[in-house]
């Protein structure tokens, strides 16, 4: 079973992005700071400092499982964590969030659950839930389906902006443990689940007692408490939030020309990913593209800072590993044997 079998074609998505770049950049003035492969857009608000950062995303098909399990609030919270982490990659702090909630016919209880989840997560990351939009569109959405998207705004000082330009050959590549699938790969996961014949309440094969639903609906994590102090201290050269595209597709976004990352699976594969691969017969190449495989954030640091950064992450309650290094070569990411 491949990701494309679940209806998601990442290569098509990348091609569309390539086509629209020129249109997007045609709107940019001198206030916009171009970021190659940026996880957020960054610009200077006229006459003000620091710079403004913004990113946009949606919860995606995780919402289908969340509705079945009665956990819409948790899935909505994931969207805030996702947006906050995309800002974090560039050293930005969350400031405000705007949401969009739509259904064919608005269900007051569902909408309230979504807003409760968003507000809870906004309080955690330090952002104001500034406003949003609810839309009722019977000809656009299927009955009983809900769509949740949002825009996260943040701020970052010039001196603290991370854009990957400081990455050098010899740097260490560290991986920080994620929590389940976060908010990516759910079209594939749902297809595997349907083919497996298991219910959300069944025990996860090979797991430690959690149900399939608990494993698939683990919350998306926020890494700011551990990483913002390290970024502010100049001990991080780049970060990559592992979202759609997996480790390779996101780490490459923060590599400058002439730098090639070598990645090895030095961490224990969580049971949920092992089950998805085995139950779905998912080729490892597809798994690496569709899933984070247990690493939610990648950090690139100078070799002399590696031990200290790992110690700081552990002290902050994070689990992290060295998962590779940066070498001179063609810009890209390649997997090597452990």
Protein backbone atom coordinates (compact mmCIF):
# COMPACT_ATOMS: atom_id res chain seq x y z
CA UNK A 1 0.00 0.00 0.00
CA UNK A 2 1.47 3.33 -1.10
CA UNK A 3 0.57 6.89 -0.10
CA UNK A 4 -0.80 7.49 -3.61
CA UNK A 5 -3.17 4.53 -3.09
CA UNK A 6 -4.77 6.57 -0.30
CA UNK A 7 -5.38 9.46 -2.70
CA UNK A 8 -2.38 11.63 -1.77
CA UNK A 9 0.26 12.41 -4.39
CA UNK A 10 3.08 14.46 -2.85
CA UNK A 11 4.86 14.88 -6.19
CA UNK A 12 1.71 16.47 -7.66
CA UNK A 13 1.46 18.78 -4.66
CA UNK A 14 5.10 19.81 -5.07
CA UNK A 15 4.55 20.48 -8.77
CA UNK A 16 1.58 22.73 -7.99
CA UNK A 17 3.67 24.64 -5.47
CA UNK A 18 6.40 25.15 -8.06
CA UNK A 19 3.84 26.58 -10.50
CA UNK A 20 2.40 29.11 -8.06
CA UNK A 21 5.70 30.42 -6.65
CA UNK A 22 6.05 33.10 -9.32
CA UNK A 23 2.54 34.40 -8.65
CA UNK A 24 3.17 34.49 -4.91
CA UNK A 25 6.50 36.28 -5.22
CA UNK A 26 5.01 38.86 -7.57
CA UNK A 27 3.24 40.34 -4.52
CA UNK A 28 6.39 40.71 -2.44
CA UNK A 29 7.94 44.07 -1.77
CA UNK A 30 11.17 44.95 0.01
CA UNK A 31 9.56 44.22 3.38
CA UNK A 32 9.37 40.45 2.70
CA UNK A 33 12.32 38.30 3.76
CA UNK A 34 12.64 35.45 1.21
CA UNK A 35 13.17 32.05 2.83
CA UNK A 36 14.15 29.11 0.66
CA UNK A 37 11.74 26.30 1.58
CA UNK A 38 10.35 28.33 4.47
CA UNK A 39 7.91 26.80 6.93
CA UNK A 40 6.42 30.28 7.41
CA UNK A 41 6.46 33.61 5.63
CA UNK A 42 8.45 36.41 7.26
CA UNK A 43 8.19 40.14 6.63
CA UNK A 44 8.85 43.45 8.34
CA UNK A 45 5.80 45.41 9.35
CA UNK A 46 6.36 48.97 8.08
CA UNK A 47 8.06 51.11 10.69
CA UNK A 48 8.10 48.38 13.31
CA UNK A 49 10.33 45.69 14.77
CA UNK A 50 10.55 42.75 15.20
CA UNK A 51 9.57 41.01 11.99
CA UNK A 52 6.22 39.29 11.54
CA UNK A 53 6.02 35.57 10.73
CA UNK A 54 2.90 33.77 9.55
CA UNK A 55 1.92 30.24 8.57
CA UNK A 56 -1.30 28.54 7.48
CA UNK A 57 -2.47 24.93 7.71
CA UNK A 58 -5.39 22.60 8.33
CA UNK A 59 -5.98 19.59 10.56
CA UNK A 60 -6.66 17.37 7.56
CA UNK A 61 -8.17 13.90 7.56
CA UNK A 62 -7.21 13.26 11.18
CA UNK A 63 -10.55 14.97 11.81
CA UNK A 64 -12.42 11.89 10.56
CA UNK A 65 -10.90 9.71 13.26
CA UNK A 66 -11.27 12.45 15.87
CA UNK A 67 -15.00 12.75 15.18
CA UNK A 68 -15.46 8.98 15.44
CA UNK A 69 -13.60 8.95 18.75
CA UNK A 70 -15.28 12.07 20.17
CA UNK A 71 -11.98 13.96 20.35
CA UNK A 72 -12.53 16.98 18.11
CA UNK A 73 -11.07 19.31 20.74
CA UNK A 74 -7.75 17.44 20.73
CA UNK A 75 -7.51 17.43 16.93
CA UNK A 76 -8.24 21.16 16.82
CA UNK A 77 -5.53 21.78 19.40
CA UNK A 78 -3.12 19.93 17.12
CA UNK A 79 -3.57 22.64 14.49
CA UNK A 80 -2.30 25.28 16.91
CA UNK A 81 0.72 23.17 17.86
CA UNK A 82 1.45 22.54 14.19
CA UNK A 83 1.38 26.25 13.36
CA UNK A 84 3.43 27.20 16.41
CA UNK A 85 6.10 24.64 15.46
CA UNK A 86 6.25 25.99 11.91
CA UNK A 87 7.03 29.42 13.37
CA UNK A 88 9.49 27.92 15.83
CA UNK A 89 11.56 26.55 12.93
CA UNK A 90 12.48 30.15 12.10
CA UNK A 91 13.04 31.22 15.70
CA UNK A 92 9.67 33.00 15.89
CA UNK A 93 7.39 33.12 18.93
CA UNK A 94 3.62 32.59 18.50
CA UNK A 95 1.55 35.75 18.86
CA UNK A 96 -1.97 35.20 17.53
CA UNK A 97 -4.11 32.59 15.81
CA UNK A 98 -7.05 32.89 13.40
CA UNK A 99 -9.28 29.90 12.67
CA UNK A 100 -11.69 28.71 9.99
CA UNK A 101 -14.35 26.10 10.81
CA UNK A 102 -16.74 24.84 8.15
CA UNK A 103 -19.48 22.22 7.76
CA UNK A 104 -22.36 21.51 5.42
CA UNK A 105 -24.62 22.33 8.39
CA UNK A 106 -23.02 23.76 11.50
CA UNK A 107 -23.23 21.53 14.56
CA UNK A 108 -23.03 23.82 17.61
CA UNK A 109 -21.51 21.13 19.84
CA UNK A 110 -18.84 20.27 17.28
CA UNK A 111 -17.93 23.91 16.69
CA UNK A 112 -17.71 24.53 20.44
CA UNK A 113 -15.45 21.50 20.85
CA UNK A 114 -13.16 22.82 18.13
CA UNK A 115 -12.94 26.28 19.69
CA UNK A 116 -12.27 24.80 23.13
CA UNK A 117 -9.37 22.81 21.69
CA UNK A 118 -7.99 25.82 19.85
CA UNK A 119 -8.20 28.06 22.91
CA UNK A 120 -6.58 25.46 25.17
CA UNK A 121 -3.63 25.09 22.80
CA UNK A 122 -3.33 28.85 22.27
CA UNK A 123 -3.00 29.33 26.02
CA UNK A 124 -0.25 26.71 26.08
CA UNK A 125 1.85 28.23 23.29
CA UNK A 126 1.22 31.82 24.42
CA UNK A 127 -0.89 32.98 21.48
CA UNK A 128 -4.19 34.88 21.46
CA UNK A 129 -7.09 33.26 19.63
CA UNK A 130 -7.72 36.55 17.89
CA UNK A 131 -10.72 35.62 15.80
CA UNK A 132 -11.92 33.39 13.03
CA UNK A 133 -14.69 32.36 10.68
CA UNK A 134 -17.42 29.74 10.73
CA UNK A 135 -18.98 28.77 7.42
CA UNK A 136 -22.03 26.71 6.54
CA UNK A 137 -21.74 25.39 2.96
CA UNK A 138 -24.06 22.48 2.13
CA UNK A 139 -22.89 22.17 -1.49
CA UNK A 140 -19.19 22.14 -0.58
CA UNK A 141 -18.87 19.79 2.41
CA UNK A 142 -20.28 16.32 2.98
CA UNK A 143 -22.78 15.87 5.83
CA UNK A 144 -21.21 15.00 9.20
CA UNK A 145 -17.80 16.27 8.05
CA UNK A 146 -16.01 19.23 9.61
CA UNK A 147 -13.05 21.20 8.26
CA UNK A 148 -10.71 23.13 10.53
CA UNK A 149 -7.89 25.37 9.31
CA UNK A 150 -6.03 28.33 10.71
CA UNK A 151 -3.30 30.93 10.47
CA UNK A 152 -0.66 31.38 13.16
CA UNK A 153 1.08 34.75 13.48
CA UNK A 154 4.35 35.29 15.33
CA UNK A 155 7.29 37.62 15.77
CA UNK A 156 11.04 37.21 15.43
CA UNK A 157 14.01 39.55 15.81
CA UNK A 158 16.38 39.91 12.85
CA UNK A 159 19.29 38.53 14.84
CA UNK A 160 17.35 35.42 15.88
CA UNK A 161 15.83 34.53 12.50
CA UNK A 162 16.74 30.99 11.43
CA UNK A 163 16.77 30.41 7.68
CA UNK A 164 19.26 27.56 7.26
CA UNK A 165 22.05 29.79 5.98
CA UNK A 166 24.24 28.96 8.99
CA UNK A 167 24.25 25.21 8.30
CA UNK A 168 27.73 23.85 7.49
CA UNK A 169 29.26 20.52 6.54
CA UNK A 170 30.16 18.67 9.73
CA UNK A 171 27.09 19.85 11.67
CA UNK A 172 25.20 17.31 13.77
CA UNK A 173 21.61 16.41 12.92
CA UNK A 174 19.46 15.67 15.98
CA UNK A 175 15.95 14.24 16.09
CA UNK A 176 13.43 14.98 18.84
CA UNK A 177 10.79 12.36 19.60
CA UNK A 178 7.32 13.07 18.30
CA UNK A 179 4.03 11.71 19.59
CA UNK A 180 2.41 9.50 17.03
CA UNK A 181 1.55 10.75 13.55
CA UNK A 182 1.09 14.38 14.62
CA UNK A 183 -1.13 15.74 11.80
CA UNK A 184 0.27 13.95 8.75
CA UNK A 185 -0.20 10.66 6.95
CA UNK A 186 -3.81 10.12 8.03
CA UNK A 187 -5.18 9.34 4.58
CA UNK A 188 -2.74 6.42 4.47
CA UNK A 189 -3.35 5.50 8.13
CA UNK A 190 -7.13 5.44 7.65
CA UNK A 191 -6.78 3.22 4.60
CA UNK A 192 -4.56 0.80 6.51
CA UNK A 193 -6.99 0.84 9.45
CA UNK A 194 -9.94 0.04 7.18
CA UNK A 195 -8.06 -2.84 5.53
CA UNK A 196 -6.90 -4.24 8.88
CA UNK A 197 -10.43 -4.87 10.15
CA UNK A 198 -9.52 -3.39 13.54
CA UNK A 199 -11.70 -0.93 15.43
CA UNK A 200 -10.39 2.18 17.15
CA UNK A 201 -11.09 0.51 20.48
CA UNK A 202 -9.03 -2.61 19.68
CA UNK A 203 -5.57 -3.01 21.19
CA UNK A 204 -2.72 -1.77 19.00
CA UNK A 205 -0.76 -4.81 17.75
CA UNK A 206 2.71 -4.73 19.27
CA UNK A 207 1.80 -1.77 21.46
CA UNK A 208 2.12 -1.28 25.20
CA UNK A 209 -1.57 -1.63 25.98
CA UNK A 210 -2.94 1.42 24.17
CA UNK A 211 -5.81 1.12 21.73
CA UNK A 212 -5.52 1.73 18.00
CA UNK A 213 -7.51 4.95 18.44
CA UNK A 214 -5.28 6.20 21.25
CA UNK A 215 -2.18 5.52 19.18
CA UNK A 216 -3.53 7.21 16.05
CA UNK A 217 -4.91 10.24 17.91
CA UNK A 218 -1.90 11.11 20.02
CA UNK A 219 -1.63 14.92 20.20
CA UNK A 220 0.72 16.90 18.01
CA UNK A 221 3.51 18.18 20.28
CA UNK A 222 4.72 21.76 20.85
CA UNK A 223 8.51 21.99 21.06
CA UNK A 224 8.87 25.68 21.88
CA UNK A 225 9.53 25.40 25.61
CA UNK A 226 12.69 23.39 24.95
CA UNK A 227 13.86 24.95 21.69
CA UNK A 228 13.14 28.68 21.93
CA UNK A 229 15.79 29.20 24.66
CA UNK A 230 18.36 27.23 22.62
CA UNK A 231 17.56 29.22 19.50
CA UNK A 232 17.79 32.52 21.38
CA UNK A 233 21.21 31.46 22.72
CA UNK A 234 22.47 30.83 19.18
CA UNK A 235 22.98 27.12 19.76
CA UNK A 236 20.72 26.01 16.92
CA UNK A 237 21.73 26.46 13.28
CA UNK A 238 18.49 25.22 11.74
CA UNK A 239 15.31 23.34 12.57
CA UNK A 240 12.86 21.32 10.50
CA UNK A 241 9.32 20.52 11.60
CA UNK A 242 8.58 17.00 10.35
CA UNK A 243 5.22 17.34 8.62
CA UNK A 244 4.05 16.16 5.18
CA UNK A 245 7.04 14.81 3.28
CA UNK A 246 8.65 13.18 6.30
CA UNK A 247 12.15 13.85 7.57
CA UNK A 248 13.73 14.07 4.11
CA UNK A 249 11.11 16.37 2.62
CA UNK A 250 11.32 18.83 5.48
CA UNK A 251 15.00 18.77 6.42
CA UNK A 252 16.00 19.61 2.85
CA UNK A 253 14.02 22.85 3.16
CA UNK A 254 16.56 24.29 5.60
CA UNK A 255 19.74 23.10 3.87
CA UNK A 256 21.78 25.63 1.88
CA UNK A 257 23.34 24.79 -1.47
CA UNK A 258 26.38 22.54 -1.12
CA UNK A 259 25.08 20.77 1.99
CA UNK A 260 23.76 17.21 2.04
CA UNK A 261 22.31 15.58 5.15
CA UNK A 262 22.91 11.90 5.89
CA UNK A 263 20.17 10.44 8.08
CA UNK A 264 20.14 7.10 9.90
CA UNK A 265 17.32 5.51 11.87
CA UNK A 266 19.09 5.44 15.21
CA UNK A 267 15.90 5.74 17.26
CA UNK A 268 13.41 3.00 18.22
CA UNK A 269 10.47 2.86 15.83
CA UNK A 270 7.22 3.44 17.76
CA UNK A 271 4.71 0.58 17.60
CA UNK A 272 2.08 2.58 15.70
CA UNK A 273 4.43 3.10 12.74
CA UNK A 274 5.58 -0.49 12.74
CA UNK A 275 1.94 -1.63 12.70
CA UNK A 276 1.03 0.76 9.87
CA UNK A 277 3.94 -0.45 7.75
CA UNK A 278 3.34 -4.14 8.39
CA UNK A 279 -0.47 -4.14 8.28
CA UNK A 280 -0.52 -2.06 5.13
CA UNK A 281 2.51 -3.56 3.43
CA UNK A 282 3.77 0.04 3.10
CA UNK A 283 7.17 0.25 1.38
CA UNK A 284 9.77 1.93 3.57
CA UNK A 285 10.24 4.69 0.98
CA UNK A 286 6.56 5.58 1.22
CA UNK A 287 6.62 5.39 5.00
CA UNK A 288 9.53 7.83 5.09
CA UNK A 289 7.57 10.25 2.90
CA UNK A 290 4.14 9.96 4.50
CA UNK A 291 5.08 9.51 8.18
CA UNK A 292 7.46 11.04 10.71
CA UNK A 293 8.38 7.53 12.01
CA UNK A 294 8.78 8.87 15.54
CA UNK A 295 10.75 12.10 14.99
CA UNK A 296 8.68 15.28 15.22
CA UNK A 297 11.39 17.94 15.00
CA UNK A 298 14.90 17.95 13.57
CA UNK A 299 17.61 20.24 14.92
CA UNK A 300 20.90 21.04 13.21
CA UNK A 301 23.66 22.20 15.54
CA UNK A 302 27.41 22.79 15.44
CA UNK A 303 29.37 19.64 16.35
CA UNK A 304 30.79 21.35 19.42
CA UNK A 305 27.28 22.12 20.69
CA UNK A 306 25.80 18.67 20.14
CA UNK A 307 26.36 17.22 23.63
CA UNK A 308 25.18 20.36 25.40
CA UNK A 309 22.07 20.66 23.26
CA UNK A 310 21.17 17.03 23.91
CA UNK A 311 21.66 17.60 27.64
CA UNK A 312 19.44 20.71 27.55
CA UNK A 313 16.74 18.88 25.64
CA UNK A 314 16.79 16.03 28.17
CA UNK A 315 16.59 18.52 31.04
CA UNK A 316 13.52 20.06 29.35
CA UNK A 317 11.84 16.65 29.24
CA UNK A 318 12.52 15.86 25.59
CA UNK A 319 13.83 12.60 24.17
CA UNK A 320 16.38 13.23 21.42
CA UNK A 321 19.00 11.37 19.43
CA UNK A 322 21.75 12.10 16.97
CA UNK A 323 20.24 10.88 13.71
CA UNK A 324 22.87 12.02 11.22
CA UNK A 325 25.18 14.75 10.05
CA UNK A 326 25.63 17.32 7.32
CA UNK A 327 28.27 16.73 4.65
CA UNK A 328 29.45 18.63 1.62
CA UNK A 329 27.59 17.63 -1.52
CA UNK A 330 24.53 18.17 -3.64
CA UNK A 331 21.72 19.78 -1.63
CA UNK A 332 19.44 17.02 -0.38
CA UNK A 333 18.83 14.33 2.23
CA UNK A 334 19.75 10.67 1.94
CA UNK A 335 19.07 7.75 4.26
CA UNK A 336 22.00 5.53 5.17
CA UNK A 337 22.30 2.31 7.14
CA UNK A 338 22.49 2.69 10.96
